[in-house]
Amino acid sequence: MQYFPVDYEENKKYPAMIMSHGFTGNYTDSMVFCEEFAKMGYAAFCFSFCGGTATDTDESVKSEGKTTEMSVLTEVEDLLAVKNYVQSQSFVDEKRISLMGFSQGGFVSGLTAARCGDEIEKLIMIYPALCIPDDARGGRLAGASYDAKAVPDIIDCGNILISKKYHDDIVEMDPYLELSAYQGPVLLIQGMDLMQISRAV
């Protein structure tokens, strides 16, 4: 989904905000935030990660891809592809791209910003799931329980199936070391009340 700034004018360039949903979510989770950023003068974008939505999600809001082929690192690649698309739009100021994500999407946004350096103007991480590598090391990804020394090919997390690839891609990662590569401004939000978070942003 693509949202134009409320004051949109042809031949003018605008800053862009790219929104990333959390584990098992989809682009509709971010639409209200895109609407708010559009009111602030941003071109705002939200999307569904390939294979990143819950099994029972309506097909109309899913991207292609199997959940068992998805991992944090495949989502980084997805977000990089979206970032490249956004930068190519004639109405976007390619030097003013910001990333915002929730939970796993916050973690993915941070890892993507770390790869992109000064291509990313600002980073907003809302309750980012920096615990994912620790959860993999403990055999408890997304509420599942398994032997981290004998990881099954398929991990049943209840409303989604993930694979050993998901575990293997993240198990050795130090998220804080990875994220430290991004030197731009960061807003990190943790809280119990999502409506309060919405107003804070």
N, C-alpha and C. Protein backbone atom coordinates (compact mmCIF):
# COMPACT_ATOMS: atom_id res chain seq x y z
N MET A 1 0.85 -1.19 0.00
CA MET A 1 0.00 0.00 0.00
C MET A 1 0.89 1.24 0.00
N GLN A 2 0.47 2.21 -0.75
CA GLN A 2 1.24 3.43 -0.91
C GLN A 2 0.35 4.62 -0.58
N TYR A 3 0.83 5.48 0.32
CA TYR A 3 0.06 6.65 0.76
C TYR A 3 0.80 7.91 0.33
N PHE A 4 0.10 8.76 -0.37
CA PHE A 4 0.69 10.04 -0.77
C PHE A 4 0.51 11.07 0.34
N PRO A 5 1.45 12.01 0.47
CA PRO A 5 1.28 13.08 1.46
C PRO A 5 -0.01 13.85 1.19
N VAL A 6 -0.63 14.35 2.24
CA VAL A 6 -1.90 15.06 2.05
C VAL A 6 -1.73 16.33 1.23
N ASP A 7 -0.53 16.90 1.25
CA ASP A 7 -0.28 18.12 0.48
C ASP A 7 0.42 17.81 -0.85
N TYR A 8 0.21 16.61 -1.37
CA TYR A 8 0.96 16.14 -2.53
C TYR A 8 0.85 17.10 -3.71
N GLU A 9 1.99 17.39 -4.30
CA GLU A 9 2.06 18.19 -5.52
C GLU A 9 2.99 17.49 -6.50
N GLU A 10 2.60 17.47 -7.76
CA GLU A 10 3.47 16.88 -8.77
C GLU A 10 4.77 17.67 -8.85
N ASN A 11 5.84 16.97 -9.21
CA ASN A 11 7.17 17.57 -9.37
C ASN A 11 7.80 17.99 -8.05
N LYS A 12 7.22 17.55 -6.94
CA LYS A 12 7.81 17.82 -5.63
C LYS A 12 8.25 16.49 -5.02
N LYS A 13 9.34 16.50 -4.27
CA LYS A 13 9.84 15.28 -3.63
C LYS A 13 9.55 15.30 -2.14
N TYR A 14 9.22 14.14 -1.60
CA TYR A 14 8.80 14.03 -0.20
C TYR A 14 9.64 12.98 0.53
N PRO A 15 9.80 13.17 1.84
CA PRO A 15 10.43 12.10 2.63
C PRO A 15 9.52 10.88 2.63
N ALA A 16 10.11 9.71 2.83
CA ALA A 16 9.32 8.47 2.80
C ALA A 16 9.50 7.70 4.10
N MET A 17 8.41 7.04 4.51
CA MET A 17 8.42 6.15 5.67
C MET A 17 7.96 4.77 5.21
N ILE A 18 8.77 3.76 5.50
CA ILE A 18 8.44 2.38 5.15
C ILE A 18 8.12 1.61 6.42
N MET A 19 6.93 1.03 6.47
CA MET A 19 6.45 0.33 7.66
C MET A 19 6.58 -1.18 7.50
N SER A 20 7.04 -1.84 8.57
CA SER A 20 7.19 -3.30 8.56
C SER A 20 6.38 -3.92 9.69
N HIS A 21 5.52 -4.88 9.35
CA HIS A 21 4.68 -5.54 10.34
C HIS A 21 5.47 -6.57 11.15
N GLY A 22 4.87 -7.06 12.21
CA GLY A 22 5.51 -8.04 13.07
C GLY A 22 5.27 -9.47 12.63
N PHE A 23 5.80 -10.40 13.40
CA PHE A 23 5.70 -11.84 13.15
C PHE A 23 4.23 -12.24 13.03
N THR A 24 3.88 -12.93 11.97
CA THR A 24 2.54 -13.41 11.61
C THR A 24 1.58 -12.30 11.19
N GLY A 25 2.03 -11.06 11.12
CA GLY A 25 1.15 -9.95 10.76
C GLY A 25 1.04 -9.76 9.25
N ASN A 26 0.51 -8.61 8.86
CA ASN A 26 0.42 -8.25 7.44
C ASN A 26 0.33 -6.74 7.33
N TYR A 27 0.28 -6.24 6.11
CA TYR A 27 0.37 -4.80 5.90
C TYR A 27 -0.75 -4.01 6.56
N THR A 28 -1.91 -4.64 6.78
CA THR A 28 -3.03 -3.89 7.36
C THR A 28 -2.74 -3.44 8.79
N ASP A 29 -1.77 -4.10 9.46
CA ASP A 29 -1.39 -3.70 10.82
C ASP A 29 -0.79 -2.30 10.84
N SER A 30 -0.26 -1.85 9.70
CA SER A 30 0.48 -0.58 9.64
C SER A 30 -0.29 0.54 8.97
N MET A 31 -1.47 0.26 8.45
CA MET A 31 -2.17 1.26 7.65
C MET A 31 -2.49 2.53 8.41
N VAL A 32 -2.92 2.41 9.69
CA VAL A 32 -3.27 3.60 10.46
C VAL A 32 -2.05 4.49 10.66
N PHE A 33 -0.88 3.89 10.80
CA PHE A 33 0.34 4.68 10.95
C PHE A 33 0.71 5.36 9.64
N CYS A 34 0.53 4.65 8.52
CA CYS A 34 0.79 5.27 7.22
C CYS A 34 -0.10 6.50 7.01
N GLU A 35 -1.34 6.37 7.41
CA GLU A 35 -2.26 7.50 7.27
C GLU A 35 -1.77 8.71 8.07
N GLU A 36 -1.27 8.45 9.27
CA GLU A 36 -0.78 9.54 10.11
C GLU A 36 0.48 10.17 9.52
N PHE A 37 1.39 9.33 9.01
CA PHE A 37 2.61 9.88 8.41
C PHE A 37 2.28 10.67 7.14
N ALA A 38 1.27 10.24 6.39
CA ALA A 38 0.86 11.00 5.21
C ALA A 38 0.37 12.39 5.61
N LYS A 39 -0.32 12.46 6.76
CA LYS A 39 -0.77 13.77 7.26
C LYS A 39 0.40 14.66 7.64
N MET A 40 1.52 14.04 8.02
CA MET A 40 2.73 14.79 8.39
C MET A 40 3.58 15.18 7.19
N GLY A 41 3.14 14.77 5.98
CA GLY A 41 3.88 15.14 4.78
C GLY A 41 4.80 14.07 4.24
N TYR A 42 4.66 12.83 4.74
CA TYR A 42 5.48 11.72 4.24
C TYR A 42 4.74 10.97 3.13
N ALA A 43 5.51 10.40 2.23
CA ALA A 43 5.01 9.32 1.39
C ALA A 43 5.21 8.06 2.23
N ALA A 44 4.15 7.32 2.49
CA ALA A 44 4.24 6.19 3.42
C ALA A 44 3.89 4.88 2.70
N PHE A 45 4.59 3.82 3.07
CA PHE A 45 4.45 2.53 2.40
C PHE A 45 4.34 1.42 3.43
N CYS A 46 3.43 0.46 3.21
CA CYS A 46 3.37 -0.74 4.03
C CYS A 46 3.14 -1.94 3.13
N PHE A 47 3.56 -3.10 3.58
CA PHE A 47 3.55 -4.29 2.74
C PHE A 47 3.51 -5.53 3.62
N SER A 48 3.26 -6.69 3.02
CA SER A 48 3.30 -7.96 3.74
C SER A 48 4.58 -8.70 3.36
N PHE A 49 5.34 -9.15 4.36
CA PHE A 49 6.55 -9.91 4.09
C PHE A 49 6.22 -11.24 3.43
N CYS A 50 7.06 -11.69 2.52
CA CYS A 50 6.87 -12.97 1.85
C CYS A 50 6.92 -14.10 2.87
N GLY A 51 5.82 -14.86 2.96
CA GLY A 51 5.76 -15.97 3.90
C GLY A 51 5.69 -15.56 5.35
N GLY A 52 5.39 -14.29 5.61
CA GLY A 52 5.47 -13.79 6.98
C GLY A 52 4.17 -13.67 7.74
N THR A 53 3.06 -14.14 7.15
CA THR A 53 1.77 -13.97 7.81
C THR A 53 1.25 -15.30 8.36
N ALA A 54 0.37 -15.21 9.33
CA ALA A 54 -0.18 -16.40 9.98
C ALA A 54 -0.94 -17.27 8.97
N THR A 55 -1.00 -18.56 9.27
CA THR A 55 -1.61 -19.53 8.37
C THR A 55 -3.05 -19.17 8.02
N ASP A 56 -3.81 -18.67 9.01
CA ASP A 56 -5.23 -18.40 8.78
C ASP A 56 -5.52 -16.99 8.27
N THR A 57 -4.49 -16.28 7.82
CA THR A 57 -4.66 -14.92 7.30
C THR A 57 -5.37 -14.94 5.96
N ASP A 58 -6.26 -13.97 5.73
CA ASP A 58 -6.96 -13.86 4.46
C ASP A 58 -5.93 -13.72 3.32
N GLU A 59 -6.16 -14.47 2.26
CA GLU A 59 -5.21 -14.48 1.13
C GLU A 59 -5.02 -13.10 0.51
N SER A 60 -6.00 -12.22 0.65
CA SER A 60 -5.91 -10.91 0.00
C SER A 60 -4.83 -10.01 0.60
N VAL A 61 -4.37 -10.33 1.81
CA VAL A 61 -3.35 -9.48 2.44
C VAL A 61 -2.01 -10.19 2.59
N LYS A 62 -1.92 -11.40 2.04
CA LYS A 62 -0.67 -12.14 2.09
C LYS A 62 0.20 -11.83 0.87
N SER A 63 1.51 -11.89 1.07
CA SER A 63 2.42 -11.90 -0.07
C SER A 63 2.68 -13.34 -0.46
N GLU A 64 3.35 -13.53 -1.58
CA GLU A 64 3.73 -14.88 -1.98
C GLU A 64 4.78 -15.42 -1.03
N GLY A 65 4.97 -16.73 -1.06
CA GLY A 65 6.01 -17.35 -0.26
C GLY A 65 5.45 -18.20 0.85
N LYS A 66 6.19 -19.24 1.20
CA LYS A 66 5.78 -20.15 2.26
C LYS A 66 6.35 -19.70 3.59
N THR A 67 5.61 -19.92 4.66
CA THR A 67 6.10 -19.55 5.99
C THR A 67 7.37 -20.34 6.33
N THR A 68 7.49 -21.53 5.79
CA THR A 68 8.66 -22.36 6.07
C THR A 68 9.90 -21.93 5.28
N GLU A 69 9.74 -20.93 4.41
CA GLU A 69 10.88 -20.37 3.68
C GLU A 69 11.24 -18.98 4.20
N MET A 70 10.47 -18.50 5.15
CA MET A 70 10.68 -17.16 5.73
C MET A 70 11.62 -17.24 6.92
N SER A 71 12.44 -16.20 7.07
CA SER A 71 13.27 -16.02 8.27
C SER A 71 13.49 -14.53 8.45
N VAL A 72 14.12 -14.18 9.54
CA VAL A 72 14.46 -12.76 9.76
C VAL A 72 15.29 -12.23 8.59
N LEU A 73 16.22 -13.03 8.10
CA LEU A 73 17.10 -12.55 7.02
C LEU A 73 16.39 -12.49 5.67
N THR A 74 15.41 -13.37 5.41
CA THR A 74 14.64 -13.23 4.17
C THR A 74 13.80 -11.97 4.23
N GLU A 75 13.34 -11.62 5.44
CA GLU A 75 12.56 -10.38 5.58
C GLU A 75 13.45 -9.15 5.39
N VAL A 76 14.70 -9.23 5.80
CA VAL A 76 15.63 -8.14 5.51
C VAL A 76 15.74 -7.95 4.00
N GLU A 77 15.86 -9.06 3.26
CA GLU A 77 15.95 -8.97 1.80
C GLU A 77 14.67 -8.37 1.21
N ASP A 78 13.52 -8.76 1.75
CA ASP A 78 12.25 -8.18 1.30
C ASP A 78 12.23 -6.67 1.52
N LEU A 79 12.65 -6.25 2.71
CA LEU A 79 12.61 -4.82 3.03
C LEU A 79 13.61 -4.05 2.17
N LEU A 80 14.75 -4.64 1.88
CA LEU A 80 15.69 -3.99 0.97
C LEU A 80 15.07 -3.79 -0.42
N ALA A 81 14.31 -4.79 -0.87
CA ALA A 81 13.64 -4.66 -2.17
C ALA A 81 12.60 -3.54 -2.15
N VAL A 82 11.84 -3.45 -1.04
CA VAL A 82 10.86 -2.37 -0.91
C VAL A 82 11.57 -1.02 -0.87
N LYS A 83 12.65 -0.96 -0.10
CA LYS A 83 13.43 0.29 -0.01
C LYS A 83 13.91 0.75 -1.38
N ASN A 84 14.40 -0.19 -2.18
CA ASN A 84 14.87 0.15 -3.52
C ASN A 84 13.72 0.66 -4.39
N TYR A 85 12.55 0.02 -4.25
CA TYR A 85 11.38 0.48 -5.00
C TYR A 85 11.00 1.90 -4.59
N VAL A 86 10.96 2.15 -3.30
CA VAL A 86 10.58 3.47 -2.80
C VAL A 86 11.55 4.53 -3.30
N GLN A 87 12.85 4.23 -3.25
CA GLN A 87 13.85 5.20 -3.72
C GLN A 87 13.70 5.52 -5.20
N SER A 88 13.13 4.59 -5.96
CA SER A 88 13.01 4.79 -7.41
C SER A 88 11.81 5.66 -7.80
N GLN A 89 10.93 5.95 -6.83
CA GLN A 89 9.73 6.73 -7.14
C GLN A 89 10.07 8.21 -7.33
N SER A 90 9.53 8.79 -8.36
CA SER A 90 9.90 10.17 -8.73
C SER A 90 9.52 11.19 -7.66
N PHE A 91 8.51 10.88 -6.85
CA PHE A 91 8.04 11.85 -5.85
C PHE A 91 8.71 11.66 -4.49
N VAL A 92 9.66 10.72 -4.39
CA VAL A 92 10.34 10.45 -3.13
C VAL A 92 11.74 11.06 -3.14
N ASP A 93 12.07 11.73 -2.05
CA ASP A 93 13.43 12.23 -1.84
C ASP A 93 14.27 11.04 -1.40
N GLU A 94 15.09 10.52 -2.30
CA GLU A 94 15.82 9.27 -2.03
C GLU A 94 16.81 9.39 -0.89
N LYS A 95 17.11 10.60 -0.47
CA LYS A 95 18.03 10.79 0.66
C LYS A 95 17.28 10.92 1.99
N ARG A 96 15.96 10.80 1.94
CA ARG A 96 15.15 10.94 3.16
C ARG A 96 14.22 9.74 3.33
N ILE A 97 14.81 8.57 3.42
CA ILE A 97 14.07 7.33 3.62
C ILE A 97 14.18 6.92 5.08
N SER A 98 13.04 6.69 5.73
CA SER A 98 13.03 6.23 7.12
C SER A 98 12.34 4.87 7.20
N LEU A 99 12.73 4.09 8.20
CA LEU A 99 12.15 2.77 8.42
C LEU A 99 11.49 2.72 9.78
N MET A 100 10.34 2.05 9.85
CA MET A 100 9.64 1.85 11.11
C MET A 100 9.06 0.45 11.12
N GLY A 101 9.24 -0.27 12.25
CA GLY A 101 8.71 -1.62 12.32
C GLY A 101 8.32 -2.01 13.72
N PHE A 102 7.46 -3.03 13.78
CA PHE A 102 6.94 -3.54 15.05
C PHE A 102 7.51 -4.93 15.31
N SER A 103 7.91 -5.22 16.52
CA SER A 103 8.32 -6.55 16.94
C SER A 103 9.36 -7.12 15.98
N GLN A 104 9.08 -8.26 15.33
CA GLN A 104 10.06 -8.78 14.37
C GLN A 104 10.32 -7.77 13.27
N GLY A 105 9.29 -7.04 12.86
CA GLY A 105 9.47 -6.00 11.85
C GLY A 105 10.37 -4.88 12.32
N GLY A 106 10.36 -4.60 13.63
CA GLY A 106 11.28 -3.61 14.19
C GLY A 106 12.72 -4.11 14.13
N PHE A 107 12.91 -5.38 14.48
CA PHE A 107 14.22 -6.00 14.41
C PHE A 107 14.72 -6.00 12.97
N VAL A 108 13.86 -6.40 12.04
CA VAL A 108 14.21 -6.43 10.62
C VAL A 108 14.54 -5.02 10.12
N SER A 109 13.78 -4.03 10.55
CA SER A 109 14.05 -2.65 10.14
C SER A 109 15.43 -2.20 10.63
N GLY A 110 15.77 -2.57 11.86
CA GLY A 110 17.09 -2.23 12.39
C GLY A 110 18.21 -2.90 11.63
N LEU A 111 18.06 -4.19 11.35
CA LEU A 111 19.09 -4.91 10.59
C LEU A 111 19.25 -4.34 9.19
N THR A 112 18.12 -3.94 8.59
CA THR A 112 18.16 -3.34 7.26
C THR A 112 18.86 -1.99 7.28
N ALA A 113 18.53 -1.17 8.28
CA ALA A 113 19.19 0.13 8.41
C ALA A 113 20.70 -0.06 8.60
N ALA A 114 21.08 -1.09 9.36
CA ALA A 114 22.50 -1.35 9.59
C ALA A 114 23.22 -1.70 8.29
N ARG A 115 22.51 -2.35 7.37
CA ARG A 115 23.10 -2.69 6.07
C ARG A 115 23.16 -1.48 5.15
N CYS A 116 22.23 -0.55 5.33
CA CYS A 116 22.11 0.57 4.39
C CYS A 116 22.87 1.82 4.80
N GLY A 117 23.25 1.91 6.07
CA GLY A 117 24.00 3.07 6.54
C GLY A 117 23.25 4.37 6.34
N ASP A 118 23.93 5.37 5.73
CA ASP A 118 23.33 6.70 5.62
C ASP A 118 22.26 6.79 4.54
N GLU A 119 21.93 5.67 3.88
CA GLU A 119 20.76 5.67 2.98
C GLU A 119 19.48 5.81 3.78
N ILE A 120 19.53 5.44 5.07
CA ILE A 120 18.36 5.53 5.93
C ILE A 120 18.50 6.74 6.84
N GLU A 121 17.53 7.67 6.70
CA GLU A 121 17.62 8.92 7.46
C GLU A 121 17.30 8.71 8.94
N LYS A 122 16.24 7.92 9.24
CA LYS A 122 15.81 7.70 10.61
C LYS A 122 15.29 6.27 10.76
N LEU A 123 15.33 5.78 12.00
CA LEU A 123 14.86 4.43 12.30
C LEU A 123 13.96 4.47 13.53
N ILE A 124 12.77 3.87 13.41
CA ILE A 124 11.84 3.76 14.54
C ILE A 124 11.59 2.28 14.79
N MET A 125 11.91 1.82 16.00
CA MET A 125 11.74 0.42 16.36
C MET A 125 10.73 0.35 17.51
N ILE A 126 9.58 -0.24 17.24
CA ILE A 126 8.53 -0.34 18.24
C ILE A 126 8.50 -1.77 18.79
N TYR A 127 8.74 -1.90 20.09
CA TYR A 127 8.95 -3.18 20.78
C TYR A 127 9.66 -4.20 19.88
N PRO A 128 10.87 -3.84 19.42
CA PRO A 128 11.60 -4.74 18.50
C PRO A 128 11.94 -6.07 19.17
N ALA A 129 11.80 -7.13 18.42
CA ALA A 129 12.02 -8.49 18.97
C ALA A 129 13.50 -8.86 18.93
N LEU A 130 14.30 -8.13 19.70
CA LEU A 130 15.73 -8.41 19.75
C LEU A 130 16.02 -9.71 20.50
N CYS A 131 14.99 -10.29 21.08
CA CYS A 131 15.12 -11.56 21.80
C CYS A 131 15.18 -12.76 20.88
N ILE A 132 14.91 -12.59 19.59
CA ILE A 132 14.79 -13.74 18.68
C ILE A 132 16.05 -14.62 18.68
N PRO A 133 17.27 -14.08 18.57
CA PRO A 133 18.43 -14.97 18.61
C PRO A 133 18.54 -15.75 19.93
N ASP A 134 18.26 -15.09 21.05
CA ASP A 134 18.27 -15.80 22.33
C ASP A 134 17.21 -16.89 22.36
N ASP A 135 16.03 -16.60 21.80
CA ASP A 135 14.96 -17.60 21.76
C ASP A 135 15.39 -18.81 20.91
N ALA A 136 16.10 -18.55 19.83
CA ALA A 136 16.60 -19.66 19.00
C ALA A 136 17.61 -20.50 19.79
N ARG A 137 18.50 -19.83 20.49
CA ARG A 137 19.50 -20.57 21.28
C ARG A 137 18.85 -21.39 22.39
N GLY A 138 17.67 -20.94 22.87
CA GLY A 138 16.97 -21.65 23.92
C GLY A 138 15.91 -22.61 23.42
N GLY A 139 15.76 -22.73 22.09
CA GLY A 139 14.76 -23.64 21.54
C GLY A 139 13.34 -23.24 21.86
N ARG A 140 13.07 -21.94 21.81
CA ARG A 140 11.73 -21.46 22.17
C ARG A 140 11.24 -20.37 21.21
N LEU A 141 11.57 -20.48 19.95
CA LEU A 141 11.14 -19.48 18.98
C LEU A 141 9.61 -19.38 18.91
N ALA A 142 9.11 -18.18 19.01
CA ALA A 142 7.68 -17.87 18.83
C ALA A 142 6.77 -18.77 19.65
N GLY A 143 7.20 -19.09 20.86
CA GLY A 143 6.37 -19.88 21.75
C GLY A 143 6.49 -21.38 21.56
N ALA A 144 7.26 -21.82 20.56
CA ALA A 144 7.46 -23.25 20.34
C ALA A 144 8.46 -23.78 21.38
N SER A 145 8.56 -25.08 21.47
CA SER A 145 9.52 -25.71 22.37
C SER A 145 10.18 -26.87 21.63
N TYR A 146 11.50 -26.79 21.47
CA TYR A 146 12.23 -27.82 20.73
C TYR A 146 13.67 -27.88 21.24
N ASP A 147 14.37 -28.92 20.85
CA ASP A 147 15.76 -29.11 21.25
C ASP A 147 16.65 -28.29 20.32
N ALA A 148 17.29 -27.25 20.86
CA ALA A 148 18.11 -26.36 20.04
C ALA A 148 19.37 -27.06 19.51
N LYS A 149 19.68 -28.23 20.04
CA LYS A 149 20.84 -28.99 19.55
C LYS A 149 20.43 -30.04 18.52
N ALA A 150 19.14 -30.21 18.34
CA ALA A 150 18.61 -31.13 17.32
C ALA A 150 17.34 -30.51 16.75
N VAL A 151 17.52 -29.42 16.02
CA VAL A 151 16.39 -28.61 15.55
C VAL A 151 15.59 -29.38 14.50
N PRO A 152 14.27 -29.48 14.67
CA PRO A 152 13.45 -30.17 13.66
C PRO A 152 13.39 -29.37 12.37
N ASP A 153 13.10 -30.06 11.27
CA ASP A 153 13.00 -29.37 9.98
C ASP A 153 11.86 -28.36 9.99
N ILE A 154 10.75 -28.71 10.68
CA ILE A 154 9.60 -27.82 10.79
C ILE A 154 9.31 -27.56 12.26
N ILE A 155 9.13 -26.28 12.59
CA ILE A 155 8.84 -25.87 13.97
C ILE A 155 7.41 -25.34 14.01
N ASP A 156 6.57 -25.97 14.81
CA ASP A 156 5.16 -25.58 14.90
C ASP A 156 5.00 -24.52 15.98
N CYS A 157 4.65 -23.30 15.55
CA CYS A 157 4.47 -22.18 16.49
C CYS A 157 2.99 -21.89 16.75
N GLY A 158 2.13 -22.83 16.43
CA GLY A 158 0.71 -22.65 16.67
C GLY A 158 -0.02 -22.12 15.45
N ASN A 159 0.06 -20.80 15.23
CA ASN A 159 -0.64 -20.21 14.09
C ASN A 159 0.26 -20.03 12.87
N ILE A 160 1.47 -20.60 12.95
CA ILE A 160 2.38 -20.52 11.81
C ILE A 160 3.43 -21.62 11.95
N LEU A 161 3.83 -22.17 10.81
CA LEU A 161 4.93 -23.13 10.78
C LEU A 161 6.17 -22.43 10.25
N ILE A 162 7.28 -22.57 10.95
CA ILE A 162 8.55 -22.04 10.46
C ILE A 162 9.50 -23.22 10.31
N SER A 163 10.69 -22.95 9.79
CA SER A 163 11.59 -24.06 9.49
C SER A 163 12.92 -23.93 10.24
N LYS A 164 13.71 -24.96 10.09
CA LYS A 164 15.06 -24.96 10.65
C LYS A 164 15.87 -23.79 10.08
N LYS A 165 15.57 -23.38 8.85
CA LYS A 165 16.25 -22.24 8.24
C LYS A 165 16.08 -20.98 9.09
N TYR A 166 14.86 -20.77 9.59
CA TYR A 166 14.61 -19.61 10.43
C TYR A 166 15.55 -19.64 11.64
N HIS A 167 15.60 -20.79 12.30
CA HIS A 167 16.48 -20.97 13.46
C HIS A 167 17.94 -20.74 13.07
N ASP A 168 18.40 -21.41 12.02
CA ASP A 168 19.81 -21.38 11.64
C ASP A 168 20.27 -19.99 11.23
N ASP A 169 19.38 -19.22 10.60
CA ASP A 169 19.75 -17.88 10.14
C ASP A 169 20.05 -16.93 11.28
N ILE A 170 19.51 -17.21 12.46
CA ILE A 170 19.56 -16.22 13.54
C ILE A 170 20.30 -16.69 14.79
N VAL A 171 20.52 -18.00 14.92
CA VAL A 171 20.95 -18.56 16.20
C VAL A 171 22.32 -18.04 16.66
N GLU A 172 23.20 -17.71 15.74
CA GLU A 172 24.54 -17.24 16.11
C GLU A 172 24.65 -15.71 16.15
N MET A 173 23.55 -15.04 15.89
CA MET A 173 23.62 -13.57 15.76
C MET A 173 23.67 -12.87 17.11
N ASP A 174 24.51 -11.83 17.19
CA ASP A 174 24.49 -10.88 18.30
C ASP A 174 23.73 -9.65 17.78
N PRO A 175 22.46 -9.50 18.14
CA PRO A 175 21.67 -8.42 17.54
C PRO A 175 22.21 -7.03 17.85
N TYR A 176 22.76 -6.86 19.03
CA TYR A 176 23.26 -5.53 19.41
C TYR A 176 24.49 -5.15 18.61
N LEU A 177 25.35 -6.12 18.34
CA LEU A 177 26.51 -5.87 17.50
C LEU A 177 26.08 -5.54 16.08
N GLU A 178 25.12 -6.30 15.56
CA GLU A 178 24.62 -6.05 14.20
C GLU A 178 24.01 -4.66 14.09
N LEU A 179 23.17 -4.29 15.05
CA LEU A 179 22.46 -3.02 14.99
C LEU A 179 23.37 -1.82 15.18
N SER A 180 24.50 -2.02 15.84
CA SER A 180 25.42 -0.90 16.11
C SER A 180 26.01 -0.32 14.84
N ALA A 181 25.89 -1.03 13.72
CA ALA A 181 26.41 -0.51 12.46
C ALA A 181 25.61 0.69 11.96
N TYR A 182 24.36 0.84 12.43
CA TYR A 182 23.55 2.00 12.03
C TYR A 182 23.84 3.15 12.97
N GLN A 183 24.28 4.26 12.41
CA GLN A 183 24.69 5.40 13.21
C GLN A 183 23.73 6.59 13.15
N GLY A 184 22.59 6.41 12.50
CA GLY A 184 21.62 7.49 12.38
C GLY A 184 20.72 7.59 13.60
N PRO A 185 19.77 8.55 13.60
CA PRO A 185 18.84 8.72 14.72
C PRO A 185 17.91 7.52 14.87
N VAL A 186 17.70 7.10 16.12
CA VAL A 186 16.83 5.96 16.41
C VAL A 186 15.82 6.34 17.48
N LEU A 187 14.56 6.00 17.24
CA LEU A 187 13.52 6.10 18.27
C LEU A 187 13.12 4.68 18.62
N LEU A 188 13.33 4.29 19.87
CA LEU A 188 13.01 2.95 20.34
C LEU A 188 11.86 3.06 21.33
N ILE A 189 10.74 2.36 21.05
CA ILE A 189 9.55 2.46 21.89
C ILE A 189 9.19 1.10 22.46
N GLN A 190 9.06 1.04 23.78
CA GLN A 190 8.56 -0.15 24.48
C GLN A 190 7.41 0.32 25.36
N GLY A 191 6.34 -0.46 25.42
CA GLY A 191 5.23 -0.06 26.26
C GLY A 191 4.14 -1.10 26.28
N MET A 192 3.18 -0.93 27.16
CA MET A 192 2.07 -1.87 27.30
C MET A 192 0.80 -1.41 26.60
N ASP A 193 0.74 -0.13 26.22
CA ASP A 193 -0.49 0.43 25.66
C ASP A 193 -0.24 0.87 24.23
N LEU A 194 -0.76 0.10 23.26
CA LEU A 194 -0.51 0.42 21.86
C LEU A 194 -1.11 1.76 21.46
N MET A 195 -2.24 2.15 22.05
CA MET A 195 -2.83 3.45 21.70
C MET A 195 -1.92 4.58 22.16
N GLN A 196 -1.29 4.43 23.31
CA GLN A 196 -0.34 5.44 23.76
C GLN A 196 0.84 5.51 22.81
N ILE A 197 1.30 4.35 22.33
CA ILE A 197 2.39 4.32 21.37
C ILE A 197 1.99 5.05 20.10
N SER A 198 0.77 4.80 19.63
CA SER A 198 0.27 5.45 18.41
C SER A 198 0.32 6.96 18.55
N ARG A 199 -0.10 7.46 19.72
CA ARG A 199 -0.10 8.91 19.92
C ARG A 199 1.34 9.45 20.03
N ALA A 200 2.25 8.65 20.60
CA ALA A 200 3.63 9.10 20.77
C ALA A 200 4.32 9.27 19.43
N VAL A 201 4.04 8.36 18.49
CA VAL A 201 4.64 8.42 17.18
C VAL A 201 4.07 9.58 16.39
